[in-house]
Amino acid sequence: MRLDKFLKTTNLMKRRTVANEAADEGFIRVNDRAAKPSYTLKEGDVIEMDMWNFYKKIKVLQVPEKKSIPKKDLPLYIETLEYRPKTSDDFTDFEDNEEL
């Protein structure tokens, strides 16, 4: 299953187009490498999502065969290895940055 479709199917992203854009922009990595939306996921792959408001690291346990899966079955498909919300401390304020 394609990366963008997997992210939509597992409800990690609301829409496939958003997943597609995030991968194109480099916010999503698979197995520590930048991944294209068309990357074919396999069991055991590790997905890192470094979005503007959170960082999430996920292990693919199983690739769904259907277009959608029930929320109660989500633990059969993914395991969250790390989740970290980002706060304002994670961003550098441009006024405090002496390099500019």
N, C-alpha and C. Protein backbone atom coordinates (compact mmCIF):
# COMPACT_ATOMS: atom_id res chain seq x y z
N MET A 1 0.84 -1.17 0.00
CA MET A 1 0.00 0.00 0.00
C MET A 1 0.89 1.24 0.00
N ARG A 2 0.49 2.23 -0.76
CA ARG A 2 1.24 3.49 -0.84
C ARG A 2 1.25 4.20 0.52
N LEU A 3 2.31 4.95 0.77
CA LEU A 3 2.45 5.69 2.03
C LEU A 3 1.29 6.63 2.27
N ASP A 4 0.95 7.46 1.28
CA ASP A 4 -0.13 8.43 1.47
C ASP A 4 -1.48 7.74 1.74
N LYS A 5 -1.72 6.64 1.07
CA LYS A 5 -2.97 5.90 1.28
C LYS A 5 -2.99 5.25 2.66
N PHE A 6 -1.85 4.74 3.12
CA PHE A 6 -1.74 4.13 4.44
C PHE A 6 -2.03 5.16 5.53
N LEU A 7 -1.46 6.36 5.40
CA LEU A 7 -1.68 7.40 6.40
C LEU A 7 -3.15 7.79 6.48
N LYS A 8 -3.83 7.81 5.37
CA LYS A 8 -5.26 8.11 5.34
C LYS A 8 -6.06 6.94 5.92
N THR A 9 -5.76 5.73 5.50
CA THR A 9 -6.50 4.54 5.94
C THR A 9 -6.41 4.34 7.45
N THR A 10 -5.25 4.62 8.03
CA THR A 10 -5.06 4.43 9.47
C THR A 10 -5.42 5.68 10.27
N ASN A 11 -5.99 6.66 9.60
CA ASN A 11 -6.43 7.92 10.23
C ASN A 11 -5.29 8.71 10.87
N LEU A 12 -4.08 8.51 10.39
CA LEU A 12 -2.97 9.32 10.88
C LEU A 12 -3.01 10.70 10.22
N MET A 13 -3.64 10.78 9.07
CA MET A 13 -3.89 12.05 8.39
C MET A 13 -5.33 12.03 7.89
N LYS A 14 -5.96 13.20 7.91
CA LYS A 14 -7.38 13.28 7.55
C LYS A 14 -7.64 13.01 6.08
N ARG A 15 -6.77 13.53 5.22
CA ARG A 15 -6.98 13.38 3.79
C ARG A 15 -5.71 12.89 3.11
N ARG A 16 -5.90 12.15 2.04
CA ARG A 16 -4.76 11.62 1.29
C ARG A 16 -3.95 12.74 0.65
N THR A 17 -4.61 13.79 0.22
CA THR A 17 -3.88 14.91 -0.40
C THR A 17 -2.97 15.59 0.60
N VAL A 18 -3.41 15.68 1.85
CA VAL A 18 -2.57 16.27 2.90
C VAL A 18 -1.35 15.38 3.15
N ALA A 19 -1.57 14.07 3.20
CA ALA A 19 -0.46 13.11 3.37
C ALA A 19 0.50 13.22 2.20
N ASN A 20 -0.04 13.36 1.00
CA ASN A 20 0.76 13.49 -0.20
C ASN A 20 1.64 14.74 -0.14
N GLU A 21 1.05 15.86 0.24
CA GLU A 21 1.80 17.12 0.33
C GLU A 21 2.85 17.06 1.43
N ALA A 22 2.51 16.48 2.57
CA ALA A 22 3.46 16.38 3.69
C ALA A 22 4.68 15.55 3.29
N ALA A 23 4.45 14.46 2.57
CA ALA A 23 5.57 13.62 2.12
C ALA A 23 6.41 14.37 1.08
N ASP A 24 5.75 15.06 0.16
CA ASP A 24 6.47 15.84 -0.86
C ASP A 24 7.33 16.93 -0.23
N GLU A 25 6.85 17.53 0.86
CA GLU A 25 7.57 18.61 1.54
C GLU A 25 8.69 18.09 2.44
N GLY A 26 8.76 16.77 2.65
CA GLY A 26 9.83 16.19 3.46
C GLY A 26 9.50 16.05 4.94
N PHE A 27 8.23 16.19 5.32
CA PHE A 27 7.84 16.06 6.72
C PHE A 27 7.69 14.60 7.16
N ILE A 28 7.69 13.69 6.20
CA ILE A 28 7.49 12.27 6.51
C ILE A 28 8.70 11.48 6.03
N ARG A 29 9.21 10.64 6.93
CA ARG A 29 10.36 9.80 6.62
C ARG A 29 9.97 8.34 6.90
N VAL A 30 10.53 7.44 6.12
CA VAL A 30 10.31 6.00 6.34
C VAL A 30 11.69 5.35 6.44
N ASN A 31 11.89 4.63 7.54
CA ASN A 31 13.17 3.96 7.80
C ASN A 31 14.34 4.95 7.71
N ASP A 32 14.14 6.12 8.29
CA ASP A 32 15.16 7.17 8.39
C ASP A 32 15.56 7.77 7.04
N ARG A 33 14.69 7.69 6.05
CA ARG A 33 14.94 8.28 4.73
C ARG A 33 13.71 9.08 4.31
N ALA A 34 13.92 10.16 3.60
CA ALA A 34 12.80 10.92 3.05
C ALA A 34 12.00 9.99 2.14
N ALA A 35 10.68 10.05 2.25
CA ALA A 35 9.83 9.13 1.49
C ALA A 35 8.87 9.89 0.59
N LYS A 36 8.69 9.38 -0.61
CA LYS A 36 7.71 9.92 -1.53
C LYS A 36 6.34 9.35 -1.17
N PRO A 37 5.28 10.04 -1.55
CA PRO A 37 3.93 9.53 -1.25
C PRO A 37 3.67 8.17 -1.87
N SER A 38 4.35 7.85 -2.96
CA SER A 38 4.12 6.58 -3.66
C SER A 38 4.94 5.42 -3.08
N TYR A 39 5.73 5.68 -2.03
CA TYR A 39 6.54 4.62 -1.41
C TYR A 39 5.62 3.48 -0.98
N THR A 40 5.98 2.25 -1.31
CA THR A 40 5.19 1.08 -0.93
C THR A 40 5.63 0.59 0.45
N LEU A 41 4.72 0.69 1.41
CA LEU A 41 5.02 0.28 2.79
C LEU A 41 5.00 -1.23 2.94
N LYS A 42 5.84 -1.70 3.87
CA LYS A 42 5.91 -3.11 4.21
C LYS A 42 5.80 -3.25 5.73
N GLU A 43 5.49 -4.43 6.19
CA GLU A 43 5.47 -4.68 7.63
C GLU A 43 6.86 -4.44 8.18
N GLY A 44 6.93 -3.78 9.33
CA GLY A 44 8.22 -3.51 9.97
C GLY A 44 8.79 -2.14 9.64
N ASP A 45 8.23 -1.45 8.63
CA ASP A 45 8.70 -0.10 8.31
C ASP A 45 8.41 0.84 9.48
N VAL A 46 9.29 1.82 9.68
CA VAL A 46 9.11 2.82 10.73
C VAL A 46 8.88 4.16 10.06
N ILE A 47 7.74 4.77 10.36
CA ILE A 47 7.36 6.06 9.78
C ILE A 47 7.60 7.14 10.83
N GLU A 48 8.27 8.23 10.42
CA GLU A 48 8.45 9.39 11.29
C GLU A 48 7.72 10.57 10.66
N MET A 49 6.83 11.17 11.43
CA MET A 49 6.08 12.33 10.97
C MET A 49 6.52 13.52 11.82
N ASP A 50 7.24 14.44 11.21
CA ASP A 50 7.72 15.64 11.92
C ASP A 50 6.91 16.83 11.42
N MET A 51 5.71 16.97 11.95
CA MET A 51 4.78 18.00 11.50
C MET A 51 5.00 19.28 12.31
N TRP A 52 4.28 20.33 11.96
CA TRP A 52 4.50 21.62 12.62
C TRP A 52 4.08 21.62 14.08
N ASN A 53 3.12 20.75 14.47
CA ASN A 53 2.65 20.76 15.86
C ASN A 53 2.91 19.48 16.64
N PHE A 54 3.50 18.46 15.99
CA PHE A 54 3.82 17.23 16.70
C PHE A 54 4.90 16.45 15.96
N TYR A 55 5.50 15.52 16.70
CA TYR A 55 6.44 14.55 16.13
C TYR A 55 5.92 13.18 16.52
N LYS A 56 5.80 12.28 15.57
CA LYS A 56 5.28 10.94 15.85
C LYS A 56 6.12 9.91 15.11
N LYS A 57 6.47 8.84 15.81
CA LYS A 57 7.22 7.73 15.23
C LYS A 57 6.36 6.49 15.36
N ILE A 58 6.11 5.83 14.23
CA ILE A 58 5.16 4.72 14.18
C ILE A 58 5.78 3.52 13.49
N LYS A 59 5.51 2.34 14.01
CA LYS A 59 5.96 1.11 13.36
C LYS A 59 4.75 0.45 12.69
N VAL A 60 4.93 0.05 11.45
CA VAL A 60 3.87 -0.64 10.70
C VAL A 60 3.89 -2.11 11.10
N LEU A 61 2.81 -2.56 11.72
CA LEU A 61 2.70 -3.96 12.14
C LEU A 61 2.09 -4.81 11.04
N GLN A 62 1.16 -4.20 10.31
CA GLN A 62 0.44 -4.92 9.26
C GLN A 62 -0.08 -3.89 8.27
N VAL A 63 -0.07 -4.21 7.00
CA VAL A 63 -0.59 -3.31 5.98
C VAL A 63 -2.04 -3.69 5.70
N PRO A 64 -2.98 -2.73 5.86
CA PRO A 64 -4.39 -3.04 5.62
C PRO A 64 -4.66 -3.42 4.17
N GLU A 65 -5.61 -4.30 3.98
CA GLU A 65 -6.01 -4.69 2.63
C GLU A 65 -7.23 -3.93 2.17
N LYS A 66 -7.93 -3.28 3.10
CA LYS A 66 -9.15 -2.54 2.78
C LYS A 66 -8.87 -1.03 2.76
N LYS A 67 -9.84 -0.27 2.26
CA LYS A 67 -9.71 1.18 2.18
C LYS A 67 -9.84 1.84 3.53
N SER A 68 -10.56 1.22 4.45
CA SER A 68 -10.71 1.79 5.78
C SER A 68 -10.70 0.67 6.82
N ILE A 69 -10.30 1.06 8.03
CA ILE A 69 -10.29 0.09 9.13
C ILE A 69 -10.98 0.73 10.33
N PRO A 70 -11.66 -0.08 11.16
CA PRO A 70 -12.28 0.47 12.36
C PRO A 70 -11.22 0.95 13.36
N LYS A 71 -11.57 2.00 14.10
CA LYS A 71 -10.62 2.54 15.08
C LYS A 71 -10.19 1.49 16.10
N LYS A 72 -11.11 0.60 16.46
CA LYS A 72 -10.78 -0.42 17.47
C LYS A 72 -9.70 -1.39 16.98
N ASP A 73 -9.55 -1.52 15.65
CA ASP A 73 -8.56 -2.42 15.08
C ASP A 73 -7.22 -1.75 14.79
N LEU A 74 -7.11 -0.46 15.05
CA LEU A 74 -5.89 0.28 14.76
C LEU A 74 -4.64 -0.33 15.39
N PRO A 75 -4.67 -0.83 16.65
CA PRO A 75 -3.48 -1.44 17.24
C PRO A 75 -2.97 -2.68 16.50
N LEU A 76 -3.79 -3.26 15.63
CA LEU A 76 -3.34 -4.40 14.83
C LEU A 76 -2.45 -3.96 13.68
N TYR A 77 -2.54 -2.68 13.30
CA TYR A 77 -1.85 -2.18 12.13
C TYR A 77 -0.65 -1.29 12.44
N ILE A 78 -0.74 -0.51 13.53
CA ILE A 78 0.38 0.38 13.87
C ILE A 78 0.70 0.32 15.36
N GLU A 79 1.95 0.61 15.67
CA GLU A 79 2.40 0.75 17.06
C GLU A 79 3.09 2.10 17.16
N THR A 80 2.63 2.94 18.08
CA THR A 80 3.24 4.25 18.27
C THR A 80 4.48 4.08 19.12
N LEU A 81 5.64 4.38 18.56
CA LEU A 81 6.90 4.24 19.27
C LEU A 81 7.23 5.51 20.05
N GLU A 82 6.83 6.65 19.50
CA GLU A 82 7.12 7.93 20.16
C GLU A 82 6.12 8.96 19.70
N TYR A 83 5.67 9.79 20.64
CA TYR A 83 4.80 10.91 20.30
C TYR A 83 5.22 12.09 21.15
N ARG A 84 5.38 13.23 20.51
CA ARG A 84 5.84 14.42 21.22
C ARG A 84 5.15 15.64 20.62
N PRO A 85 4.24 16.28 21.39
CA PRO A 85 3.66 17.52 20.88
C PRO A 85 4.72 18.62 20.91
N LYS A 86 4.61 19.54 19.99
CA LYS A 86 5.57 20.64 19.96
C LYS A 86 4.94 21.85 20.65
N THR A 87 5.78 22.60 21.34
CA THR A 87 5.33 23.80 22.02
C THR A 87 6.04 25.00 21.41
N SER A 88 5.71 26.17 21.89
CA SER A 88 6.34 27.37 21.36
C SER A 88 7.84 27.39 21.65
N ASP A 89 8.29 26.62 22.64
CA ASP A 89 9.72 26.55 22.95
C ASP A 89 10.51 25.82 21.86
N ASP A 90 9.79 25.03 21.05
CA ASP A 90 10.45 24.29 19.98
C ASP A 90 10.78 25.16 18.77
N PHE A 91 10.24 26.36 18.75
CA PHE A 91 10.45 27.24 17.60
C PHE A 91 11.32 28.41 18.01
N THR A 92 12.22 28.80 17.14
CA THR A 92 13.09 29.94 17.42
C THR A 92 12.37 31.22 17.04
N ASP A 93 12.33 32.15 17.95
CA ASP A 93 11.73 33.45 17.67
C ASP A 93 12.70 34.25 16.81
N PHE A 94 12.22 34.78 15.71
CA PHE A 94 13.10 35.50 14.79
C PHE A 94 13.75 36.73 15.43
N GLU A 95 13.08 37.37 16.38
CA GLU A 95 13.65 38.55 17.04
C GLU A 95 14.85 38.18 17.91
N ASP A 96 14.85 36.96 18.45
CA ASP A 96 15.95 36.53 19.30
C ASP A 96 17.11 35.91 18.51
N ASN A 97 16.91 35.70 17.23
CA ASN A 97 17.91 35.08 16.40
C ASN A 97 18.89 36.14 15.90
N GLU A 98 20.14 36.08 16.34
CA GLU A 98 21.14 37.07 16.01
C GLU A 98 21.68 36.92 14.60
N GLU A 99 21.43 35.76 13.97
CA GLU A 99 21.96 35.52 12.64
C GLU A 99 21.23 36.32 11.57
N LEU A 100 20.01 36.75 11.86
CA LEU A 100 19.23 37.48 10.84
C LEU A 100 19.63 38.91 10.76
